[in-house]
Amino acid sequence: MTATVVLALVVAADVSRGARLAPRARRALAAFVVAAVGTTLVVGFGAHVVTVVVGVVAAAAWSLLVPQVGAAAGAAVAPPRAWPAAALAVILVAAALVPAPEPAGPLVDAWARTVPGRAGVPVAVALAVLVVLVGLTRTANLVTRAALARARRAPDGNVPVVDDAGRPTNRRPTGWRLAVRGRDVASLSPVEAPPEPRTGPVMRGGRYIGPLERVLVLVLALTGAYGVIAAVLAAKGVVRFPEISADRARGTKAEEFLVGSLVSWACAGAGVLLVRVSGLG
């Protein structure tokens, strides 16, 4: 349950950071939600105070290192960071190895009176499932976007300009300027290709397909339907095959599909492992 507590605080921070508020209000909301979740874990589930403190520190560091939203359209972005996700995975693995106190508290007693609780489902497993479900829709999105942004770096090391959704645009950051005594004399402006005409509504299904896919993999894995998981993953490749085939000259679509899919599936697999470990007591 120790790893679940740490992940719950990180996920709580990510959910709060997704609110459409001013930056200062969003930070205040995140601090309040993390504090409320930490208090609930200590009082309601008997989590160790030290574990909650570690989770709060991990959530604060995660929020600083992994931005919730992309850069403004047309602005150059800093090189993406992929190592915070690896660091978080190491912290969760280490936390899973630490013995946790037996869950105790009013929320544990309330769970024991529910139908799953009377059926013998441990409260630690129920809490892990809840945290993983929310994490696969918010935190896993950030991990996948960071991996894709890292993979989209140009061969010369430059990072392409992206829009609010994290997709690369046709503009390239130049960063060159001519200055005399600290005063700009001339600069190179990014060149933008003319936009392609749109003939229909703009689909933003990518924001929903990934979370739904990860949640579906989690549910199927927990129910033992591994054959269905293989069919779902294969169907995704079949659906994307025409788009990948049309990009044979560059091959970037195939790489993007593989990177995004593998990272997304890895997040779902990690969630399944966390739930399984929580059931071991």
C-alpha atoms as a PDB file:
ATOM      1  CA  MET A   1       0.000   0.000   0.000  1.00  0.00           C
ATOM      2  CA  THR A   2       3.017   2.290   0.359  1.00  0.00           C
ATOM      3  CA  ALA A   3       3.439   2.696  -3.396  1.00  0.00           C
ATOM      4  CA  THR A   4      -0.293   3.369  -3.734  1.00  0.00           C
ATOM      5  CA  VAL A   5      -0.055   6.217  -1.221  1.00  0.00           C
ATOM      6  CA  VAL A   6       2.836   7.860  -3.066  1.00  0.00           C
ATOM      7  CA  LEU A   7       1.153   7.500  -6.448  1.00  0.00           C
ATOM      8  CA  ALA A   8      -2.151   8.808  -5.060  1.00  0.00           C
ATOM      9  CA  LEU A   9      -0.519  12.093  -4.067  1.00  0.00           C
ATOM     10  CA  VAL A  10       1.212  12.471  -7.452  1.00  0.00           C
ATOM     11  CA  VAL A  11      -2.055  11.762  -9.273  1.00  0.00           C
ATOM     12  CA  ALA A  12      -3.931  14.214  -7.031  1.00  0.00           C
ATOM     13  CA  ALA A  13      -1.468  16.938  -7.993  1.00  0.00           C
ATOM     14  CA  ASP A  14      -1.858  16.146 -11.700  1.00  0.00           C
ATOM     15  CA  VAL A  15      -5.651  16.219 -11.531  1.00  0.00           C
ATOM     16  CA  SER A  16      -5.566  19.577  -9.747  1.00  0.00           C
ATOM     17  CA  ARG A  17      -3.126  21.035 -12.260  1.00  0.00           C
ATOM     18  CA  GLY A  18      -5.578  20.259 -15.031  1.00  0.00           C
ATOM     19  CA  ALA A  19      -8.076  22.829 -13.721  1.00  0.00           C
ATOM     20  CA  ARG A  20      -8.681  25.817 -15.980  1.00  0.00           C
ATOM     21  CA  LEU A  21      -7.634  28.448 -13.475  1.00  0.00           C
ATOM     22  CA  ALA A  22      -5.014  31.139 -13.174  1.00  0.00           C
ATOM     23  CA  PRO A  23      -1.536  29.752 -12.398  1.00  0.00           C
ATOM     24  CA  ARG A  24      -1.561  30.991  -8.813  1.00  0.00           C
ATOM     25  CA  ALA A  25      -5.062  29.651  -8.163  1.00  0.00           C
ATOM     26  CA  ARG A  26      -4.127  26.348  -9.791  1.00  0.00           C
ATOM     27  CA  ARG A  27      -1.087  25.966  -7.541  1.00  0.00           C
ATOM     28  CA  ALA A  28      -3.196  26.759  -4.485  1.00  0.00           C
ATOM     29  CA  LEU A  29      -5.789  24.209  -5.551  1.00  0.00           C
ATOM     30  CA  ALA A  30      -3.124  21.565  -6.086  1.00  0.00           C
ATOM     31  CA  ALA A  31      -1.644  22.201  -2.634  1.00  0.00           C
ATOM     32  CA  PHE A  32      -5.091  21.979  -1.034  1.00  0.00           C
ATOM     33  CA  VAL A  33      -6.038  18.770  -2.862  1.00  0.00           C
ATOM     34  CA  VAL A  34      -2.712  17.083  -2.077  1.00  0.00           C
ATOM     35  CA  ALA A  35      -3.057  18.053   1.593  1.00  0.00           C
ATOM     36  CA  ALA A  36      -6.645  16.765   1.674  1.00  0.00           C
ATOM     37  CA  VAL A  37      -5.696  13.471   0.027  1.00  0.00           C
ATOM     38  CA  GLY A  38      -2.745  13.023   2.367  1.00  0.00           C
ATOM     39  CA  THR A  39      -4.913  13.659   5.422  1.00  0.00           C
ATOM     40  CA  THR A  40      -7.526  11.214   4.149  1.00  0.00           C
ATOM     41  CA  LEU A  41      -4.905   8.533   3.633  1.00  0.00           C
ATOM     42  CA  VAL A  42      -3.535   8.967   7.168  1.00  0.00           C
ATOM     43  CA  VAL A  43      -6.851   9.286   9.000  1.00  0.00           C
ATOM     44  CA  GLY A  44      -9.089   7.119   6.833  1.00  0.00           C
ATOM     45  CA  PHE A  45      -6.712   4.327   5.804  1.00  0.00           C
ATOM     46  CA  GLY A  46      -3.991   4.400   8.452  1.00  0.00           C
ATOM     47  CA  ALA A  47      -1.169   5.319   6.073  1.00  0.00           C
ATOM     48  CA  HIS A  48       2.168   6.133   7.690  1.00  0.00           C
ATOM     49  CA  VAL A  49       2.894   9.839   8.030  1.00  0.00           C
ATOM     50  CA  VAL A  50       6.418   9.408   6.649  1.00  0.00           C
ATOM     51  CA  THR A  51       5.026   7.755   3.525  1.00  0.00           C
ATOM     52  CA  VAL A  52       2.639  10.645   3.004  1.00  0.00           C
ATOM     53  CA  VAL A  53       5.472  13.157   3.411  1.00  0.00           C
ATOM     54  CA  VAL A  54       7.517  11.293   0.794  1.00  0.00           C
ATOM     55  CA  GLY A  55       4.481  11.313  -1.498  1.00  0.00           C
ATOM     56  CA  VAL A  56       3.998  15.060  -1.040  1.00  0.00           C
ATOM     57  CA  VAL A  57       7.658  15.714  -1.903  1.00  0.00           C
ATOM     58  CA  ALA A  58       7.385  13.438  -4.951  1.00  0.00           C
ATOM     59  CA  ALA A  59       4.210  15.212  -6.072  1.00  0.00           C
ATOM     60  CA  ALA A  60       5.835  18.643  -5.718  1.00  0.00           C
ATOM     61  CA  ALA A  61       8.933  17.570  -7.647  1.00  0.00           C
ATOM     62  CA  TRP A  62       6.809  15.935 -10.346  1.00  0.00           C
ATOM     63  CA  SER A  63       4.713  19.077 -10.758  1.00  0.00           C
ATOM     64  CA  LEU A  64       7.832  21.215 -11.197  1.00  0.00           C
ATOM     65  CA  LEU A  65       9.621  18.882 -13.619  1.00  0.00           C
ATOM     66  CA  VAL A  66       6.692  17.749 -15.779  1.00  0.00           C
ATOM     67  CA  PRO A  67       4.513  20.604 -17.083  1.00  0.00           C
ATOM     68  CA  GLN A  68       0.812  19.973 -17.329  1.00  0.00           C
ATOM     69  CA  VAL A  69       0.173  21.986 -20.488  1.00  0.00           C
ATOM     70  CA  GLY A  70       2.190  22.582 -23.649  1.00  0.00           C
ATOM     71  CA  ALA A  71       3.892  25.812 -24.618  1.00  0.00           C
ATOM     72  CA  ALA A  72       2.008  28.570 -26.327  1.00  0.00           C
ATOM     73  CA  ALA A  73       1.449  28.087 -30.013  1.00  0.00           C
ATOM     74  CA  GLY A  74       4.388  29.279 -32.058  1.00  0.00           C
ATOM     75  CA  ALA A  75       6.805  29.435 -29.135  1.00  0.00           C
ATOM     76  CA  ALA A  76       9.992  27.424 -28.829  1.00  0.00           C
ATOM     77  CA  VAL A  77       9.939  24.836 -26.084  1.00  0.00           C
ATOM     78  CA  ALA A  78      12.696  23.552 -23.860  1.00  0.00           C
ATOM     79  CA  PRO A  79      14.069  20.064 -24.436  1.00  0.00           C
ATOM     80  CA  PRO A  80      11.535  17.599 -22.985  1.00  0.00           C
ATOM     81  CA  ARG A  81      12.428  15.695 -19.856  1.00  0.00           C
ATOM     82  CA  ALA A  82      11.960  11.942 -19.912  1.00  0.00           C
ATOM     83  CA  TRP A  83      13.919  11.104 -16.770  1.00  0.00           C
ATOM     84  CA  PRO A  84      11.277  12.286 -14.236  1.00  0.00           C
ATOM     85  CA  ALA A  85       9.031   9.404 -15.328  1.00  0.00           C
ATOM     86  CA  ALA A  86      11.868   6.936 -14.796  1.00  0.00           C
ATOM     87  CA  ALA A  87      12.638   8.506 -11.420  1.00  0.00           C
ATOM     88  CA  LEU A  88       8.979   8.228 -10.399  1.00  0.00           C
ATOM     89  CA  ALA A  89       8.967   4.560 -11.425  1.00  0.00           C
ATOM     90  CA  VAL A  90      12.045   3.913  -9.268  1.00  0.00           C
ATOM     91  CA  ILE A  91      10.404   5.653  -6.302  1.00  0.00           C
ATOM     92  CA  LEU A  92       7.246   3.573  -6.693  1.00  0.00           C
ATOM     93  CA  VAL A  93       9.222   0.326  -6.944  1.00  0.00           C
ATOM     94  CA  ALA A  94      11.195   1.248  -3.828  1.00  0.00           C
ATOM     95  CA  ALA A  95       7.975   2.170  -2.027  1.00  0.00           C
ATOM     96  CA  ALA A  96       6.414  -1.161  -2.994  1.00  0.00           C
ATOM     97  CA  LEU A  97       9.285  -2.933  -1.227  1.00  0.00           C
ATOM     98  CA  VAL A  98       8.687  -1.038   2.019  1.00  0.00           C
ATOM     99  CA  PRO A  99       6.288  -2.820   4.395  1.00  0.00           C
ATOM    100  CA  ALA A 100       3.148  -0.828   5.094  1.00  0.00           C
ATOM    101  CA  PRO A 101       1.074  -0.805   8.273  1.00  0.00           C
ATOM    102  CA  GLU A 102      -2.180  -2.711   8.277  1.00  0.00           C
ATOM    103  CA  PRO A 103      -4.956  -0.476   6.870  1.00  0.00           C
ATOM    104  CA  ALA A 104      -7.120   0.836   9.701  1.00  0.00           C
ATOM    105  CA  GLY A 105      -9.549   3.687   9.997  1.00  0.00           C
ATOM    106  CA  PRO A 106     -13.140   4.723   9.361  1.00  0.00           C
ATOM    107  CA  LEU A 107     -12.848   4.356   5.589  1.00  0.00           C
ATOM    108  CA  VAL A 108     -11.474   0.835   6.016  1.00  0.00           C
ATOM    109  CA  ASP A 109     -14.436  -0.038   8.240  1.00  0.00           C
ATOM    110  CA  ALA A 110     -16.835   1.496   5.714  1.00  0.00           C
ATOM    111  CA  TRP A 111     -15.274  -0.560   2.907  1.00  0.00           C
ATOM    112  CA  ALA A 112     -15.723  -3.744   4.950  1.00  0.00           C
ATOM    113  CA  ARG A 113     -19.477  -3.112   4.971  1.00  0.00           C
ATOM    114  CA  THR A 114     -19.731  -2.807   1.179  1.00  0.00           C
ATOM    115  CA  VAL A 115     -20.512  -5.737  -1.125  1.00  0.00           C
ATOM    116  CA  PRO A 116     -16.920  -6.095  -2.443  1.00  0.00           C
ATOM    117  CA  GLY A 117     -15.588  -5.757   1.089  1.00  0.00           C
ATOM    118  CA  ARG A 118     -17.847  -8.515   2.379  1.00  0.00           C
ATOM    119  CA  ALA A 119     -16.783 -10.604  -0.633  1.00  0.00           C
ATOM    120  CA  GLY A 120     -13.193 -10.441   0.564  1.00  0.00           C
ATOM    121  CA  VAL A 121     -11.718  -7.744  -1.689  1.00  0.00           C
ATOM    122  CA  PRO A 122      -8.952  -6.058   0.375  1.00  0.00           C
ATOM    123  CA  VAL A 123      -9.255  -2.325   0.845  1.00  0.00           C
ATOM    124  CA  ALA A 124      -5.644  -1.925  -0.340  1.00  0.00           C
ATOM    125  CA  VAL A 125      -6.589  -3.454  -3.697  1.00  0.00           C
ATOM    126  CA  ALA A 126      -9.663  -1.232  -4.013  1.00  0.00           C
ATOM    127  CA  LEU A 127      -7.603   1.868  -3.264  1.00  0.00           C
ATOM    128  CA  ALA A 128      -4.922   0.803  -5.737  1.00  0.00           C
ATOM    129  CA  VAL A 129      -7.506   0.268  -8.478  1.00  0.00           C
ATOM    130  CA  LEU A 130      -8.990   3.717  -7.872  1.00  0.00           C
ATOM    131  CA  VAL A 131      -5.597   5.445  -7.890  1.00  0.00           C
ATOM    132  CA  VAL A 132      -4.407   3.574 -10.979  1.00  0.00           C
ATOM    133  CA  LEU A 133      -7.622   4.303 -12.895  1.00  0.00           C
ATOM    134  CA  VAL A 134      -7.276   8.037 -12.292  1.00  0.00           C
ATOM    135  CA  GLY A 135      -3.542   7.911 -12.923  1.00  0.00           C
ATOM    136  CA  LEU A 136      -3.990   6.210 -16.284  1.00  0.00           C
ATOM    137  CA  THR A 137      -6.178   9.072 -17.454  1.00  0.00           C
ATOM    138  CA  ARG A 138      -4.028  11.976 -16.215  1.00  0.00           C
ATOM    139  CA  THR A 139      -0.487  11.117 -15.149  1.00  0.00           C
ATOM    140  CA  ALA A 140       0.010   8.508 -17.882  1.00  0.00           C
ATOM    141  CA  ASN A 141      -0.944  11.145 -20.453  1.00  0.00           C
ATOM    142  CA  LEU A 142       1.906  13.348 -19.244  1.00  0.00           C
ATOM    143  CA  VAL A 143       4.356  10.455 -19.401  1.00  0.00           C
ATOM    144  CA  THR A 144       3.289   9.545 -22.937  1.00  0.00           C
ATOM    145  CA  ARG A 145       3.440  13.146 -24.147  1.00  0.00           C
ATOM    146  CA  ALA A 146       6.903  13.586 -22.672  1.00  0.00           C
ATOM    147  CA  ALA A 147       8.127  10.457 -24.449  1.00  0.00           C
ATOM    148  CA  LEU A 148       6.612  11.582 -27.751  1.00  0.00           C
ATOM    149  CA  ALA A 149       8.073  15.075 -27.392  1.00  0.00           C
ATOM    150  CA  ARG A 150      11.466  13.549 -26.737  1.00  0.00           C
ATOM    151  CA  ALA A 151      11.159  11.325 -29.793  1.00  0.00           C
ATOM    152  CA  ARG A 152      10.117  14.266 -31.975  1.00  0.00           C
ATOM    153  CA  ARG A 153      13.401  16.111 -31.469  1.00  0.00           C
ATOM    154  CA  ALA A 154      15.120  16.961 -34.716  1.00  0.00           C
ATOM    155  CA  PRO A 155      18.373  15.157 -35.628  1.00  0.00           C
ATOM    156  CA  ASP A 156      20.341  18.347 -34.922  1.00  0.00           C
ATOM    157  CA  GLY A 157      19.066  18.390 -31.365  1.00  0.00           C
ATOM    158  CA  ASN A 158      16.528  21.169 -31.857  1.00  0.00           C
ATOM    159  CA  VAL A 159      13.031  20.770 -30.516  1.00  0.00           C
ATOM    160  CA  PRO A 160      10.232  21.513 -32.998  1.00  0.00           C
ATOM    161  CA  VAL A 161       7.645  24.122 -32.138  1.00  0.00           C
ATOM    162  CA  VAL A 162       4.477  22.521 -30.823  1.00  0.00           C
ATOM    163  CA  ASP A 163       0.936  23.732 -30.296  1.00  0.00           C
ATOM    164  CA  ASP A 164      -1.158  23.517 -27.136  1.00  0.00           C
ATOM    165  CA  ALA A 165      -1.856  19.823 -27.733  1.00  0.00           C
ATOM    166  CA  GLY A 166       1.838  18.992 -28.048  1.00  0.00           C
ATOM    167  CA  ARG A 167       1.724  18.375 -31.798  1.00  0.00           C
ATOM    168  CA  PRO A 168       4.584  19.780 -33.907  1.00  0.00           C
ATOM    169  CA  THR A 169       3.718  22.645 -36.220  1.00  0.00           C
ATOM    170  CA  ASN A 170       5.334  23.735 -39.482  1.00  0.00           C
ATOM    171  CA  ARG A 171       7.328  26.428 -37.734  1.00  0.00           C
ATOM    172  CA  ARG A 172      10.934  25.984 -36.695  1.00  0.00           C
ATOM    173  CA  PRO A 173      12.545  27.940 -33.849  1.00  0.00           C
ATOM    174  CA  THR A 174      15.512  29.961 -35.094  1.00  0.00           C
ATOM    175  CA  GLY A 175      16.782  31.714 -32.012  1.00  0.00           C
ATOM    176  CA  TRP A 176      19.232  33.924 -33.977  1.00  0.00           C
ATOM    177  CA  ARG A 177      19.337  37.665 -33.447  1.00  0.00           C
ATOM    178  CA  LEU A 178      21.760  40.526 -34.098  1.00  0.00           C
ATOM    179  CA  ALA A 179      22.296  42.903 -31.201  1.00  0.00           C
ATOM    180  CA  VAL A 180      24.531  45.945 -30.750  1.00  0.00           C
ATOM    181  CA  ARG A 181      25.201  47.056 -27.169  1.00  0.00           C
ATOM    182  CA  GLY A 182      22.332  44.963 -25.919  1.00  0.00           C
ATOM    183  CA  ARG A 183      19.850  46.428 -28.412  1.00  0.00           C
ATOM    184  CA  ASP A 184      18.299  44.170 -31.048  1.00  0.00           C
ATOM    185  CA  VAL A 185      19.080  45.289 -34.600  1.00  0.00           C
ATOM    186  CA  ALA A 186      17.769  42.334 -36.593  1.00  0.00           C
ATOM    187  CA  SER A 187      16.401  38.867 -35.997  1.00  0.00           C
ATOM    188  CA  LEU A 188      15.344  35.767 -37.875  1.00  0.00           C
ATOM    189  CA  SER A 189      11.637  35.054 -37.604  1.00  0.00           C
ATOM    190  CA  PRO A 190      10.222  31.525 -37.772  1.00  0.00           C
ATOM    191  CA  VAL A 191       8.830  30.643 -41.171  1.00  0.00           C
ATOM    192  CA  GLU A 192       5.398  29.117 -41.135  1.00  0.00           C
ATOM    193  CA  ALA A 193       4.014  27.110 -44.008  1.00  0.00           C
ATOM    194  CA  PRO A 194       0.548  28.088 -45.179  1.00  0.00           C
ATOM    195  CA  PRO A 195      -2.089  26.188 -43.259  1.00  0.00           C
ATOM    196  CA  GLU A 196      -3.824  23.359 -45.018  1.00  0.00           C
ATOM    197  CA  PRO A 197      -7.499  23.968 -45.708  1.00  0.00           C
ATOM    198  CA  ARG A 198      -9.778  22.173 -43.300  1.00  0.00           C
ATOM    199  CA  THR A 199     -12.772  20.438 -44.776  1.00  0.00           C
ATOM    200  CA  GLY A 200     -14.374  19.164 -41.604  1.00  0.00           C
ATOM    201  CA  PRO A 201     -14.411  19.385 -37.827  1.00  0.00           C
ATOM    202  CA  VAL A 202     -11.129  19.117 -35.955  1.00  0.00           C
ATOM    203  CA  MET A 203     -10.985  15.793 -34.148  1.00  0.00           C
ATOM    204  CA  ARG A 204      -9.190  15.672 -30.806  1.00  0.00           C
ATOM    205  CA  GLY A 205      -9.796  12.016 -30.094  1.00  0.00           C
ATOM    206  CA  GLY A 206      -6.159  11.404 -29.192  1.00  0.00           C
ATOM    207  CA  ARG A 207      -6.796  12.890 -25.772  1.00  0.00           C
ATOM    208  CA  TYR A 208      -9.420  10.232 -25.099  1.00  0.00           C
ATOM    209  CA  ILE A 209      -8.191   7.207 -27.049  1.00  0.00           C
ATOM    210  CA  GLY A 210      -5.023   6.828 -24.969  1.00  0.00           C
ATOM    211  CA  PRO A 211      -6.717   6.932 -21.531  1.00  0.00           C
ATOM    212  CA  LEU A 212      -9.550   4.680 -22.698  1.00  0.00           C
ATOM    213  CA  GLU A 213      -7.060   2.219 -24.130  1.00  0.00           C
ATOM    214  CA  ARG A 214      -5.043   2.099 -20.907  1.00  0.00           C
ATOM    215  CA  VAL A 215      -8.133   1.704 -18.736  1.00  0.00           C
ATOM    216  CA  LEU A 216      -9.418  -1.056 -21.013  1.00  0.00           C
ATOM    217  CA  VAL A 217      -6.077  -2.883 -20.790  1.00  0.00           C
ATOM    218  CA  LEU A 218      -6.161  -2.562 -16.995  1.00  0.00           C
ATOM    219  CA  VAL A 219      -9.695  -3.935 -16.686  1.00  0.00           C
ATOM    220  CA  LEU A 220      -9.048  -6.785 -19.095  1.00  0.00           C
ATOM    221  CA  ALA A 221      -5.780  -7.710 -17.377  1.00  0.00           C
ATOM    222  CA  LEU A 222      -7.404  -7.750 -13.937  1.00  0.00           C
ATOM    223  CA  THR A 223     -10.162 -10.035 -15.260  1.00  0.00           C
ATOM    224  CA  GLY A 224      -7.674 -12.346 -16.966  1.00  0.00           C
ATOM    225  CA  ALA A 225      -8.827 -11.605 -20.528  1.00  0.00           C
ATOM    226  CA  TYR A 226      -5.329 -11.552 -22.001  1.00  0.00           C
ATOM    227  CA  GLY A 227      -6.504 -12.766 -25.398  1.00  0.00           C
ATOM    228  CA  VAL A 228      -8.844  -9.800 -25.682  1.00  0.00           C
ATOM    229  CA  ILE A 229      -5.944  -7.471 -24.818  1.00  0.00           C
ATOM    230  CA  ALA A 230      -3.927  -8.901 -27.688  1.00  0.00           C
ATOM    231  CA  ALA A 231      -6.889  -8.424 -30.029  1.00  0.00           C
ATOM    232  CA  VAL A 232      -7.368  -4.805 -28.926  1.00  0.00           C
ATOM    233  CA  LEU A 233      -3.709  -3.951 -29.409  1.00  0.00           C
ATOM    234  CA  ALA A 234      -3.653  -5.649 -32.798  1.00  0.00           C
ATOM    235  CA  ALA A 235      -6.795  -3.781 -33.859  1.00  0.00           C
ATOM    236  CA  LYS A 236      -5.123  -0.491 -33.002  1.00  0.00           C
ATOM    237  CA  GLY A 237      -2.241  -1.345 -35.322  1.00  0.00           C
ATOM    238  CA  VAL A 238      -4.657  -2.270 -38.120  1.00  0.00           C
ATOM    239  CA  VAL A 239      -6.522   1.029 -37.769  1.00  0.00           C
ATOM    240  CA  ARG A 240      -3.307   3.048 -37.920  1.00  0.00           C
ATOM    241  CA  PHE A 241      -1.765   0.991 -40.737  1.00  0.00           C
ATOM    242  CA  PRO A 242      -3.036   3.203 -43.623  1.00  0.00           C
ATOM    243  CA  GLU A 243      -1.592   6.320 -41.998  1.00  0.00           C
ATOM    244  CA  ILE A 244       1.716   4.590 -41.362  1.00  0.00           C
ATOM    245  CA  SER A 245       1.864   3.192 -44.906  1.00  0.00           C
ATOM    246  CA  ALA A 246       1.307   6.644 -46.389  1.00  0.00           C
ATOM    247  CA  ASP A 247       4.434   7.864 -44.596  1.00  0.00           C
ATOM    248  CA  ARG A 248       6.915   5.345 -45.994  1.00  0.00           C
ATOM    249  CA  ALA A 249       9.307   8.019 -47.214  1.00  0.00           C
ATOM    250  CA  ARG A 250      10.044   9.400 -43.754  1.00  0.00           C
ATOM    251  CA  GLY A 251       8.837   6.648 -41.438  1.00  0.00           C
ATOM    252  CA  THR A 252       8.097   9.072 -38.625  1.00  0.00           C
ATOM    253  CA  LYS A 253       4.488   7.954 -38.262  1.00  0.00           C
ATOM    254  CA  ALA A 254       5.557   4.393 -37.518  1.00  0.00           C
ATOM    255  CA  GLU A 255       8.082   5.566 -34.940  1.00  0.00           C
ATOM    256  CA  GLU A 256       5.554   7.888 -33.330  1.00  0.00           C
ATOM    257  CA  PHE A 257       2.974   5.096 -33.199  1.00  0.00           C
ATOM    258  CA  LEU A 258       5.435   2.663 -31.645  1.00  0.00           C
ATOM    259  CA  VAL A 259       6.798   5.117 -29.072  1.00  0.00           C
ATOM    260  CA  GLY A 260       3.373   6.365 -28.016  1.00  0.00           C
ATOM    261  CA  SER A 261       1.807   2.903 -27.923  1.00  0.00           C
ATOM    262  CA  LEU A 262       4.647   1.200 -26.077  1.00  0.00           C
ATOM    263  CA  VAL A 263       4.858   3.919 -23.427  1.00  0.00           C
ATOM    264  CA  SER A 264       1.071   3.907 -23.025  1.00  0.00           C
ATOM    265  CA  TRP A 265       0.979   0.118 -22.675  1.00  0.00           C
ATOM    266  CA  ALA A 266       3.882   0.239 -20.240  1.00  0.00           C
ATOM    267  CA  CYS A 267       1.903   2.623 -18.030  1.00  0.00           C
ATOM    268  CA  ALA A 268      -1.080   0.273 -18.117  1.00  0.00           C
ATOM    269  CA  GLY A 269       1.150  -2.703 -17.319  1.00  0.00           C
ATOM    270  CA  ALA A 270       2.716  -0.847 -14.405  1.00  0.00           C
ATOM    271  CA  GLY A 271      -0.776  -0.127 -13.087  1.00  0.00           C
ATOM    272  CA  VAL A 272      -1.668  -3.813 -13.274  1.00  0.00           C
ATOM    273  CA  LEU A 273       1.505  -4.719 -11.378  1.00  0.00           C
ATOM    274  CA  LEU A 274       0.715  -2.164  -8.668  1.00  0.00           C
ATOM    275  CA  VAL A 275      -2.755  -3.623  -8.166  1.00  0.00           C
ATOM    276  CA  ARG A 276      -1.349  -7.169  -8.074  1.00  0.00           C
ATOM    277  CA  VAL A 277       1.296  -6.190  -5.509  1.00  0.00           C
ATOM    278  CA  SER A 278      -1.351  -4.470  -3.373  1.00  0.00           C
ATOM    279  CA  GLY A 279      -3.279  -7.738  -3.260  1.00  0.00           C
ATOM    280  CA  LEU A 280      -0.280  -9.548  -1.801  1.00  0.00           C
ATOM    281  CA  GLY A 281      -0.591  -7.595   1.413  1.00  0.00           C
END
